[in-house]
Amino acid sequence: MEKTIISEGRTTNEAIEKGLKELNVAKSRVDIKVLDSDDKRSFFSILAPRVVKVQLTLKEKEEPKKAQIKPKKELEYSEEEQEKAKNSLEEFMKEFVTKLPEGTTYEVEATKTGINVNIENSNLGFLIGHRGETLYAMQNIMSTIASKGIDKKVRVILDIEGYKAKREKTLEELALKIAKTVVRTRKPVKLEPMQAYERKIIHTKLQENPRVETNSVGEEPYRRIVISYKRKEI
């Protein structure tokens, strides 16, 4: 529905600014028509109070075009490739586990979309590192090892002591907490740099929240999420 108002001021700019404030919209959201210009004053009206009138009409709201995001096609591996990748990692893990605290166990599982590796012990915090940095570095190394003799990169998902499940819960709780702060203060909050896997958890948790929006900014490895208040457009 079209909405039009008449705004007055001592100058054209002042009249426009008052009108924008009344409508609570940006200048790009209105069509402006000057009704009484401040440059058409006669000699006899020079002492009269200057009043400029402008007409502001809200433009029809354009429906935002939704970006068509093509789902990323996951690589799939043949049974022969799965077996070869699993054997390479099994050989590596047999040697690697001898360097770890006593009682450490591991499991290597081959699937058509990659290899899952799970390492368990109650004393492996040094393998996880700050915010999982060491874990993700090891995951990349394992991917290289698993890809040996295969003509494409093998996707490896490494977890240690159930870290990823715990981290996911922590990030979801953080997302909800920050979202409440953003709604209350109307000010954006920039989070610390995170792995792409962790940023996805934040985006997913808040994507259905009608009052905030999330965006990733910066370049790897310092890319981070900004949570902002979603302002309602008239």
Protein backbone atom coordinates (compact mmCIF):
# COMPACT_ATOMS: atom_id res chain seq x y z
CA MET A 1 0.00 0.00 0.00
CA GLU A 2 1.40 3.38 -1.08
CA LYS A 3 2.14 5.83 1.69
CA THR A 4 2.75 9.54 1.10
CA ILE A 5 3.52 12.33 3.55
CA ILE A 6 4.20 16.05 3.27
CA SER A 7 7.20 17.31 5.22
CA GLU A 8 8.28 20.90 5.89
CA GLY A 9 11.58 22.55 6.73
CA ARG A 10 13.63 25.71 6.32
CA THR A 11 15.53 24.09 3.47
CA THR A 12 14.83 21.26 1.06
CA ASN A 13 17.35 19.01 2.79
CA GLU A 14 15.87 19.71 6.22
CA ALA A 15 12.36 18.92 4.95
CA ILE A 16 13.57 15.65 3.41
CA GLU A 17 15.45 14.60 6.56
CA LYS A 18 12.37 15.27 8.70
CA GLY A 19 10.23 13.19 6.37
CA LEU A 20 12.70 10.29 6.35
CA LYS A 21 12.80 10.37 10.14
CA GLU A 22 9.01 10.28 10.32
CA LEU A 23 8.84 7.32 7.95
CA ASN A 24 11.88 5.70 9.56
CA VAL A 25 13.36 4.66 6.23
CA ALA A 26 16.47 5.36 4.14
CA LYS A 27 16.40 7.93 1.32
CA SER A 28 16.65 5.12 -1.25
CA ARG A 29 13.24 3.83 -0.11
CA VAL A 30 11.26 6.92 -1.14
CA ASP A 31 10.39 9.03 -4.18
CA ILE A 32 10.83 12.74 -3.43
CA LYS A 33 8.94 15.64 -4.99
CA VAL A 34 9.64 19.26 -4.02
CA LEU A 35 6.35 21.16 -3.66
CA ASP A 36 7.63 24.57 -2.46
CA SER A 37 11.29 25.15 -3.19
CA ASP A 38 13.53 27.37 -1.11
CA ASP A 39 14.91 28.98 -4.28
CA LYS A 40 11.59 30.47 -5.45
CA ARG A 41 11.17 33.23 -2.91
CA SER A 42 10.08 36.69 -4.11
CA PHE A 43 11.53 40.00 -2.95
CA PHE A 44 8.37 40.72 -0.93
CA SER A 45 8.53 37.42 0.98
CA ILE A 46 12.17 37.81 1.97
CA LEU A 47 11.24 38.65 5.59
CA ALA A 48 8.63 35.92 5.93
CA PRO A 49 9.60 32.65 7.63
CA ARG A 50 11.06 30.28 5.07
CA VAL A 51 9.05 27.06 4.63
CA VAL A 52 9.91 24.35 2.11
CA LYS A 53 7.48 21.53 1.47
CA VAL A 54 8.41 18.16 0.01
CA GLN A 55 6.33 15.11 -0.74
CA LEU A 56 7.80 11.71 0.18
CA THR A 57 6.22 8.56 -1.21
CA LEU A 58 7.32 5.12 -0.14
CA LYS A 59 8.45 2.93 -3.00
CA GLU A 60 6.88 -0.47 -3.30
CA LYS A 61 8.93 -2.98 -1.39
CA GLU A 62 10.80 -5.28 -3.71
CA GLU A 63 10.85 -8.90 -2.78
CA PRO A 64 14.46 -9.88 -2.23
CA LYS A 65 15.75 -12.32 -4.78
CA LYS A 66 16.77 -15.49 -3.10
CA ALA A 67 20.13 -16.69 -4.20
CA GLN A 68 19.91 -20.11 -5.73
CA ILE A 69 22.46 -22.08 -3.81
CA LYS A 70 23.35 -25.28 -5.55
CA PRO A 71 23.93 -28.05 -3.06
CA LYS A 72 27.53 -29.06 -3.00
CA LYS A 73 27.87 -32.49 -4.50
CA GLU A 74 29.80 -34.78 -2.22
CA LEU A 75 32.49 -36.94 -3.70
CA GLU A 76 31.76 -40.62 -3.54
CA TYR A 77 34.35 -43.36 -3.39
CA SER A 78 34.27 -46.85 -4.79
CA GLU A 79 34.64 -49.85 -2.50
CA GLU A 80 38.20 -50.26 -3.75
CA GLU A 81 39.02 -46.61 -2.95
CA GLN A 82 37.40 -46.91 0.49
CA GLU A 83 39.44 -49.98 1.29
CA LYS A 84 42.69 -48.42 0.10
CA ALA A 85 42.08 -45.20 2.07
CA LYS A 86 41.11 -47.14 5.21
CA ASN A 87 44.21 -49.36 5.00
CA SER A 88 46.47 -46.30 4.65
CA LEU A 89 44.94 -44.71 7.77
CA GLU A 90 44.96 -47.97 9.73
CA GLU A 91 48.68 -48.32 9.04
CA PHE A 92 49.28 -44.72 10.17
CA MET A 93 47.14 -45.08 13.31
CA LYS A 94 48.86 -48.29 14.47
CA GLU A 95 52.12 -46.37 14.66
CA PHE A 96 50.61 -43.09 15.85
CA VAL A 97 48.70 -44.61 18.79
CA THR A 98 51.97 -45.93 20.29
CA LYS A 99 52.98 -42.29 20.84
CA LEU A 100 49.76 -41.47 22.70
CA PRO A 101 48.88 -42.01 26.39
CA GLU A 102 48.33 -45.63 27.43
CA GLY A 103 44.80 -46.85 26.96
CA THR A 104 44.11 -44.78 23.85
CA THR A 105 41.75 -46.51 21.42
CA TYR A 106 40.74 -45.62 17.89
CA GLU A 107 38.26 -46.59 15.20
CA VAL A 108 38.55 -46.09 11.44
CA GLU A 109 35.33 -46.37 9.45
CA ALA A 110 35.11 -46.24 5.66
CA THR A 111 31.99 -44.86 3.97
CA LYS A 112 31.17 -43.97 0.38
CA THR A 113 31.60 -40.25 1.25
CA GLY A 114 34.87 -40.51 3.17
CA ILE A 115 36.62 -41.90 6.23
CA ASN A 116 35.58 -41.34 9.84
CA VAL A 117 38.29 -41.55 12.50
CA ASN A 118 37.49 -41.49 16.20
CA ILE A 119 40.17 -41.42 18.91
CA GLU A 120 39.26 -41.98 22.56
CA ASN A 121 41.07 -41.35 25.84
CA SER A 122 40.48 -39.01 28.75
CA ASN A 123 43.88 -37.37 28.37
CA LEU A 124 44.07 -36.14 24.77
CA GLY A 125 43.40 -32.41 25.19
CA PHE A 126 46.80 -31.63 23.63
CA LEU A 127 45.61 -33.29 20.40
CA ILE A 128 42.56 -31.03 20.25
CA GLY A 129 44.30 -27.71 20.86
CA HIS A 130 42.77 -24.26 21.28
CA ARG A 131 39.34 -24.21 19.64
CA GLY A 132 40.22 -27.48 17.90
CA GLU A 133 43.14 -26.05 15.90
CA THR A 134 45.36 -29.11 16.40
CA LEU A 135 42.48 -31.49 15.68
CA TYR A 136 41.72 -29.80 12.34
CA ALA A 137 45.42 -29.76 11.40
CA MET A 138 45.59 -33.51 12.09
CA GLN A 139 42.42 -34.03 10.07
CA ASN A 140 44.10 -32.40 7.05
CA ILE A 141 47.19 -34.59 7.49
CA MET A 142 45.03 -37.71 7.67
CA SER A 143 43.23 -36.65 4.51
CA THR A 144 46.56 -36.48 2.70
CA ILE A 145 47.54 -39.94 4.02
CA ALA A 146 44.17 -41.45 3.05
CA SER A 147 44.44 -40.00 -0.47
CA LYS A 148 47.73 -41.79 -1.18
CA GLY A 149 47.36 -43.84 -4.37
CA ILE A 150 43.90 -42.42 -5.10
CA ASP A 151 43.33 -39.87 -7.88
CA LYS A 152 41.10 -37.61 -5.77
CA LYS A 153 41.25 -36.17 -2.28
CA VAL A 154 39.68 -38.35 0.38
CA ARG A 155 37.49 -36.57 2.92
CA VAL A 156 38.44 -37.47 6.49
CA ILE A 157 36.33 -36.54 9.53
CA LEU A 158 38.35 -36.77 12.74
CA ASP A 159 36.90 -36.57 16.23
CA ILE A 160 38.74 -36.84 19.54
CA GLU A 161 37.01 -37.55 22.86
CA GLY A 162 33.68 -36.48 21.33
CA TYR A 163 35.04 -32.91 21.03
CA LYS A 164 32.94 -31.96 18.01
CA ALA A 165 29.61 -32.83 19.64
CA LYS A 166 30.56 -30.85 22.75
CA ARG A 167 31.79 -27.92 20.65
CA GLU A 168 28.59 -27.92 18.59
CA LYS A 169 26.48 -27.64 21.75
CA THR A 170 28.71 -24.82 23.06
CA LEU A 171 28.44 -22.88 19.78
CA GLU A 172 24.65 -23.28 19.60
CA GLU A 173 24.32 -21.94 23.15
CA LEU A 174 26.67 -19.06 22.27
CA ALA A 175 24.61 -18.25 19.15
CA LEU A 176 21.38 -17.98 21.16
CA LYS A 177 23.02 -15.89 23.87
CA ILE A 178 24.57 -13.41 21.40
CA ALA A 179 21.31 -13.20 19.43
CA LYS A 180 19.47 -12.09 22.59
CA THR A 181 22.12 -9.41 23.20
CA VAL A 182 21.85 -8.15 19.61
CA VAL A 183 18.05 -7.93 19.81
CA ARG A 184 18.26 -6.04 23.12
CA THR A 185 20.98 -3.55 22.07
CA ARG A 186 20.24 -3.36 18.31
CA LYS A 187 24.04 -3.46 17.82
CA PRO A 188 25.90 -6.09 15.76
CA VAL A 189 28.32 -8.46 17.48
CA LYS A 190 31.41 -9.84 15.76
CA LEU A 191 32.50 -13.29 16.92
CA GLU A 192 36.05 -14.62 17.06
CA PRO A 193 37.53 -16.31 13.95
CA MET A 194 36.23 -19.86 13.46
CA GLN A 195 36.63 -22.88 11.22
CA ALA A 196 34.12 -23.12 8.36
CA TYR A 197 32.56 -26.14 10.11
CA GLU A 198 31.96 -24.06 13.26
CA ARG A 199 30.62 -21.02 11.37
CA LYS A 200 28.08 -23.30 9.71
CA ILE A 201 26.78 -24.34 13.15
CA ILE A 202 26.14 -20.65 14.05
CA HIS A 203 24.49 -19.87 10.71
CA THR A 204 22.26 -22.94 10.93
CA LYS A 205 21.20 -22.29 14.52
CA LEU A 206 20.10 -18.71 13.78
CA GLN A 207 18.78 -18.98 10.23
CA GLU A 208 15.17 -19.32 11.42
CA ASN A 209 15.45 -16.45 13.93
CA PRO A 210 13.31 -13.61 12.47
CA ARG A 211 15.06 -10.90 14.51
CA VAL A 212 18.72 -11.43 13.63
CA GLU A 213 20.83 -12.24 10.60
CA THR A 214 24.32 -13.70 10.26
CA ASN A 215 27.11 -12.96 7.81
CA SER A 216 30.68 -14.19 7.46
CA VAL A 217 33.37 -11.54 6.95
CA GLY A 218 37.13 -11.54 6.45
CA GLU A 219 39.53 -13.99 4.87
CA GLU A 220 40.65 -17.40 6.08
CA PRO A 221 42.00 -18.23 8.60
CA TYR A 222 40.56 -15.10 10.25
CA ARG A 223 37.06 -15.36 8.79
CA ARG A 224 34.38 -14.74 11.41
CA ILE A 225 30.63 -14.31 11.85
CA VAL A 226 28.80 -11.04 12.48
CA ILE A 227 25.36 -11.32 14.09
CA SER A 228 23.20 -8.26 13.33
CA TYR A 229 19.74 -7.03 14.24
CA LYS A 230 17.27 -7.55 11.40
CA ARG A 231 15.42 -4.26 11.02
CA LYS A 232 11.85 -4.33 9.79
CA GLU A 233 11.21 -2.46 6.56
CA ILE A 234 7.98 -0.53 6.16
